Amino acid sequence: MLVIARTFDGLLFRGELHQLTTQLDLTIVELLRCPPPDWTQATGDITELLLTSQLPDTPYLAQLDYYLCGPPPLITEALTLLNRLNVPPTHIHTERFDLI
């Protein structure tokens, strides 16, 4: 699971999500766009390299389902990358929301 936020405070439900890793075969990668100086995980934008480093080998990618939730620009960015990885659109499920 890739969780993206602008700042550390934007990582919602962090405790709950990490609790799921004890119950499910789940890995969480947190990416911050504006990280604090001591942040040691992923930073910046979503990249093809980031996705491919976290996903199974390329032939298997088309068999997985992908669930995206976030603001429209983030969803568009992720859709573009998944398209480059030849993920079929029927395996991508999205929920877009705008922040007020």
N, C-alpha and C. Protein backbone atom coordinates (compact mmCIF):
# COMPACT_ATOMS: atom_id res chain seq x y z
N MET A 1 0.85 -1.16 0.00
CA MET A 1 0.00 0.00 0.00
C MET A 1 0.90 1.23 0.00
N LEU A 2 0.63 2.12 -0.91
CA LEU A 2 1.35 3.38 -0.97
C LEU A 2 0.45 4.47 -0.41
N VAL A 3 0.93 5.15 0.62
CA VAL A 3 0.20 6.24 1.26
C VAL A 3 0.99 7.52 1.02
N ILE A 4 0.31 8.52 0.47
CA ILE A 4 0.99 9.77 0.10
C ILE A 4 0.36 10.93 0.85
N ALA A 5 1.21 11.81 1.34
CA ALA A 5 0.74 13.02 2.02
C ALA A 5 1.74 14.13 1.76
N ARG A 6 1.26 15.35 1.91
CA ARG A 6 2.16 16.49 1.75
C ARG A 6 3.14 16.55 2.93
N THR A 7 2.60 16.44 4.16
CA THR A 7 3.43 16.51 5.36
C THR A 7 3.13 15.30 6.25
N PHE A 8 3.94 15.12 7.27
CA PHE A 8 3.77 14.00 8.19
C PHE A 8 2.37 14.02 8.82
N ASP A 9 1.88 15.19 9.18
CA ASP A 9 0.55 15.30 9.79
C ASP A 9 -0.56 14.85 8.85
N GLY A 10 -0.29 14.79 7.56
CA GLY A 10 -1.28 14.37 6.59
C GLY A 10 -1.38 12.86 6.43
N LEU A 11 -0.54 12.10 7.12
CA LEU A 11 -0.61 10.64 7.06
C LEU A 11 -1.74 10.17 7.98
N LEU A 12 -2.95 10.17 7.45
CA LEU A 12 -4.13 9.83 8.23
C LEU A 12 -4.22 8.33 8.51
N PHE A 13 -4.77 7.99 9.65
CA PHE A 13 -4.99 6.60 10.06
C PHE A 13 -3.71 5.78 10.05
N ARG A 14 -2.60 6.41 10.37
CA ARG A 14 -1.29 5.76 10.33
C ARG A 14 -1.24 4.55 11.28
N GLY A 15 -1.69 4.73 12.49
CA GLY A 15 -1.68 3.63 13.45
C GLY A 15 -2.56 2.47 13.02
N GLU A 16 -3.74 2.78 12.53
CA GLU A 16 -4.67 1.75 12.10
C GLU A 16 -4.11 0.97 10.91
N LEU A 17 -3.52 1.70 9.96
CA LEU A 17 -2.96 1.03 8.79
C LEU A 17 -1.79 0.14 9.17
N HIS A 18 -0.93 0.62 10.06
CA HIS A 18 0.20 -0.21 10.48
C HIS A 18 -0.26 -1.42 11.29
N GLN A 19 -1.37 -1.30 12.01
CA GLN A 19 -1.94 -2.44 12.73
C GLN A 19 -2.35 -3.53 11.73
N LEU A 20 -2.86 -3.13 10.58
CA LEU A 20 -3.27 -4.10 9.56
C LEU A 20 -2.10 -4.94 9.07
N THR A 21 -0.88 -4.39 9.13
CA THR A 21 0.28 -5.15 8.67
C THR A 21 0.55 -6.36 9.56
N THR A 22 0.01 -6.37 10.78
CA THR A 22 0.19 -7.52 11.66
C THR A 22 -0.86 -8.59 11.39
N GLN A 23 -1.91 -8.22 10.64
CA GLN A 23 -3.00 -9.15 10.38
C GLN A 23 -3.08 -9.60 8.93
N LEU A 24 -2.49 -8.84 8.03
CA LEU A 24 -2.56 -9.11 6.59
C LEU A 24 -1.17 -9.16 5.99
N ASP A 25 -1.08 -9.77 4.83
CA ASP A 25 0.17 -9.72 4.07
C ASP A 25 0.19 -8.36 3.38
N LEU A 26 0.60 -7.34 4.12
CA LEU A 26 0.49 -5.95 3.67
C LEU A 26 1.77 -5.20 4.01
N THR A 27 2.28 -4.51 3.02
CA THR A 27 3.42 -3.62 3.22
C THR A 27 2.94 -2.21 2.95
N ILE A 28 3.30 -1.29 3.82
CA ILE A 28 2.91 0.11 3.65
C ILE A 28 4.15 0.93 3.33
N VAL A 29 4.07 1.68 2.24
CA VAL A 29 5.13 2.62 1.89
C VAL A 29 4.52 4.01 2.03
N GLU A 30 5.15 4.84 2.85
CA GLU A 30 4.67 6.20 3.05
C GLU A 30 5.56 7.16 2.27
N LEU A 31 4.94 8.03 1.51
CA LEU A 31 5.66 9.01 0.71
C LEU A 31 5.21 10.40 1.15
N LEU A 32 6.16 11.24 1.49
CA LEU A 32 5.84 12.62 1.85
C LEU A 32 6.38 13.55 0.78
N ARG A 33 5.56 14.49 0.37
CA ARG A 33 5.98 15.48 -0.63
C ARG A 33 6.85 16.56 0.01
N CYS A 34 6.59 16.92 1.25
CA CYS A 34 7.37 17.92 2.00
C CYS A 34 7.77 17.30 3.34
N PRO A 35 8.80 16.45 3.33
CA PRO A 35 9.14 15.70 4.55
C PRO A 35 9.91 16.55 5.57
N PRO A 36 9.83 16.15 6.84
CA PRO A 36 10.68 16.79 7.85
C PRO A 36 12.13 16.32 7.64
N PRO A 37 13.09 17.03 8.21
CA PRO A 37 14.50 16.68 8.00
C PRO A 37 14.88 15.25 8.40
N ASP A 38 14.20 14.68 9.39
CA ASP A 38 14.57 13.35 9.86
C ASP A 38 13.80 12.22 9.16
N TRP A 39 13.03 12.54 8.13
CA TRP A 39 12.24 11.53 7.42
C TRP A 39 13.16 10.63 6.61
N THR A 40 12.99 9.30 6.74
CA THR A 40 13.88 8.36 6.05
C THR A 40 13.18 7.54 4.97
N GLN A 41 11.89 7.73 4.80
CA GLN A 41 11.17 6.97 3.79
C GLN A 41 11.08 7.77 2.49
N ALA A 42 10.22 7.33 1.59
CA ALA A 42 10.10 7.93 0.26
C ALA A 42 9.67 9.40 0.34
N THR A 43 10.18 10.18 -0.60
CA THR A 43 9.84 11.61 -0.67
C THR A 43 9.61 12.01 -2.12
N GLY A 44 8.93 13.13 -2.28
CA GLY A 44 8.75 13.70 -3.62
C GLY A 44 7.51 13.21 -4.31
N ASP A 45 7.64 12.98 -5.59
CA ASP A 45 6.51 12.57 -6.43
C ASP A 45 6.45 11.06 -6.57
N ILE A 46 5.29 10.58 -6.98
CA ILE A 46 5.16 9.18 -7.34
C ILE A 46 5.93 9.00 -8.65
N THR A 47 6.75 7.98 -8.71
CA THR A 47 7.51 7.72 -9.94
C THR A 47 7.30 6.27 -10.37
N GLU A 48 7.60 6.02 -11.61
CA GLU A 48 7.53 4.66 -12.12
C GLU A 48 8.50 3.76 -11.35
N LEU A 49 9.67 4.31 -11.02
CA LEU A 49 10.67 3.54 -10.26
C LEU A 49 10.12 3.17 -8.88
N LEU A 50 9.46 4.11 -8.22
CA LEU A 50 8.88 3.82 -6.91
C LEU A 50 7.84 2.71 -7.02
N LEU A 51 6.96 2.82 -8.00
CA LEU A 51 5.92 1.80 -8.15
C LEU A 51 6.52 0.44 -8.47
N THR A 52 7.43 0.38 -9.43
CA THR A 52 7.98 -0.91 -9.82
C THR A 52 8.84 -1.52 -8.72
N SER A 53 9.41 -0.69 -7.85
CA SER A 53 10.21 -1.24 -6.75
C SER A 53 9.32 -1.87 -5.68
N GLN A 54 8.05 -1.48 -5.63
CA GLN A 54 7.13 -1.99 -4.61
C GLN A 54 6.17 -3.05 -5.14
N LEU A 55 6.02 -3.14 -6.45
CA LEU A 55 5.06 -4.07 -7.04
C LEU A 55 5.76 -5.35 -7.49
N PRO A 56 4.99 -6.44 -7.66
CA PRO A 56 5.58 -7.69 -8.15
C PRO A 56 6.14 -7.53 -9.56
N ASP A 57 6.79 -8.58 -10.05
CA ASP A 57 7.37 -8.55 -11.39
C ASP A 57 6.34 -8.13 -12.43
N THR A 58 6.80 -7.47 -13.48
CA THR A 58 5.95 -6.87 -14.50
C THR A 58 4.85 -7.78 -15.06
N PRO A 59 5.09 -9.05 -15.39
CA PRO A 59 4.00 -9.87 -15.96
C PRO A 59 2.81 -10.01 -15.01
N TYR A 60 3.05 -9.92 -13.73
CA TYR A 60 2.01 -10.10 -12.72
C TYR A 60 1.18 -8.83 -12.51
N LEU A 61 1.71 -7.67 -12.88
CA LEU A 61 1.03 -6.39 -12.63
C LEU A 61 -0.37 -6.32 -13.21
N ALA A 62 -0.56 -6.88 -14.39
CA ALA A 62 -1.85 -6.79 -15.07
C ALA A 62 -2.92 -7.64 -14.39
N GLN A 63 -2.53 -8.54 -13.51
CA GLN A 63 -3.49 -9.40 -12.84
C GLN A 63 -3.99 -8.82 -11.52
N LEU A 64 -3.34 -7.79 -11.03
CA LEU A 64 -3.71 -7.18 -9.76
C LEU A 64 -4.79 -6.12 -9.94
N ASP A 65 -5.49 -5.81 -8.87
CA ASP A 65 -6.42 -4.68 -8.86
C ASP A 65 -5.76 -3.55 -8.09
N TYR A 66 -6.00 -2.33 -8.54
CA TYR A 66 -5.39 -1.13 -7.95
C TYR A 66 -6.50 -0.21 -7.49
N TYR A 67 -6.41 0.24 -6.25
CA TYR A 67 -7.41 1.11 -5.66
C TYR A 67 -6.75 2.44 -5.35
N LEU A 68 -7.24 3.50 -5.99
CA LEU A 68 -6.68 4.83 -5.83
C LEU A 68 -7.72 5.73 -5.20
N CYS A 69 -7.31 6.49 -4.22
CA CYS A 69 -8.21 7.44 -3.57
C CYS A 69 -7.43 8.70 -3.28
N GLY A 70 -7.95 9.84 -3.71
CA GLY A 70 -7.26 11.09 -3.44
C GLY A 70 -7.79 12.21 -4.32
N PRO A 71 -7.12 13.35 -4.25
CA PRO A 71 -7.53 14.49 -5.07
C PRO A 71 -7.24 14.22 -6.55
N PRO A 72 -8.01 14.85 -7.44
CA PRO A 72 -7.87 14.58 -8.88
C PRO A 72 -6.44 14.63 -9.42
N PRO A 73 -5.60 15.62 -9.05
CA PRO A 73 -4.25 15.62 -9.63
C PRO A 73 -3.44 14.37 -9.24
N LEU A 74 -3.61 13.90 -8.02
CA LEU A 74 -2.90 12.71 -7.57
C LEU A 74 -3.38 11.48 -8.33
N ILE A 75 -4.68 11.37 -8.49
CA ILE A 75 -5.25 10.23 -9.22
C ILE A 75 -4.77 10.25 -10.66
N THR A 76 -4.77 11.40 -11.29
CA THR A 76 -4.30 11.51 -12.67
C THR A 76 -2.84 11.08 -12.79
N GLU A 77 -2.02 11.52 -11.84
CA GLU A 77 -0.61 11.15 -11.83
C GLU A 77 -0.44 9.64 -11.70
N ALA A 78 -1.17 9.03 -10.79
CA ALA A 78 -1.08 7.58 -10.58
C ALA A 78 -1.61 6.82 -11.79
N LEU A 79 -2.70 7.29 -12.38
CA LEU A 79 -3.26 6.63 -13.57
C LEU A 79 -2.26 6.65 -14.72
N THR A 80 -1.58 7.76 -14.89
CA THR A 80 -0.58 7.87 -15.96
C THR A 80 0.52 6.83 -15.77
N LEU A 81 0.98 6.69 -14.54
CA LEU A 81 2.05 5.72 -14.27
C LEU A 81 1.56 4.28 -14.45
N LEU A 82 0.38 3.98 -13.96
CA LEU A 82 -0.15 2.63 -14.13
C LEU A 82 -0.38 2.31 -15.60
N ASN A 83 -0.78 3.30 -16.37
CA ASN A 83 -0.94 3.12 -17.81
C ASN A 83 0.40 2.77 -18.45
N ARG A 84 1.46 3.47 -18.06
CA ARG A 84 2.81 3.17 -18.59
C ARG A 84 3.25 1.75 -18.24
N LEU A 85 2.74 1.24 -17.12
CA LEU A 85 3.09 -0.12 -16.69
C LEU A 85 2.15 -1.16 -17.31
N ASN A 86 1.29 -0.71 -18.24
CA ASN A 86 0.36 -1.58 -18.96
C ASN A 86 -0.65 -2.28 -18.05
N VAL A 87 -1.07 -1.59 -17.01
CA VAL A 87 -2.13 -2.12 -16.14
C VAL A 87 -3.45 -1.86 -16.85
N PRO A 88 -4.26 -2.89 -17.05
CA PRO A 88 -5.54 -2.70 -17.74
C PRO A 88 -6.45 -1.75 -16.95
N PRO A 89 -7.12 -0.82 -17.63
CA PRO A 89 -8.03 0.11 -16.94
C PRO A 89 -9.11 -0.60 -16.13
N THR A 90 -9.50 -1.80 -16.53
CA THR A 90 -10.53 -2.54 -15.79
C THR A 90 -10.04 -3.01 -14.42
N HIS A 91 -8.74 -2.92 -14.18
CA HIS A 91 -8.17 -3.33 -12.89
C HIS A 91 -7.86 -2.13 -12.00
N ILE A 92 -8.26 -0.94 -12.44
CA ILE A 92 -7.98 0.28 -11.68
C ILE A 92 -9.31 0.85 -11.19
N HIS A 93 -9.41 1.07 -9.90
CA HIS A 93 -10.62 1.58 -9.28
C HIS A 93 -10.26 2.88 -8.57
N THR A 94 -11.02 3.93 -8.83
CA THR A 94 -10.65 5.24 -8.28
C THR A 94 -11.79 5.89 -7.49
N GLU A 95 -11.37 6.70 -6.56
CA GLU A 95 -12.28 7.60 -5.84
C GLU A 95 -11.57 8.92 -5.73
N ARG A 96 -12.14 9.93 -6.33
CA ARG A 96 -11.54 11.26 -6.34
C ARG A 96 -12.30 12.17 -5.40
N PHE A 97 -11.55 13.03 -4.71
CA PHE A 97 -12.20 14.01 -3.85
C PHE A 97 -11.42 15.31 -3.90
N ASP A 98 -12.12 16.40 -3.73
CA ASP A 98 -11.50 17.71 -3.68
C ASP A 98 -11.51 18.18 -2.23
N LEU A 99 -10.43 18.80 -1.83
CA LEU A 99 -10.34 19.37 -0.49
C LEU A 99 -10.85 20.79 -0.52
N ILE A 100 -11.56 21.17 0.49
CA ILE A 100 -12.12 22.52 0.54
C ILE A 100 -11.16 23.43 1.27
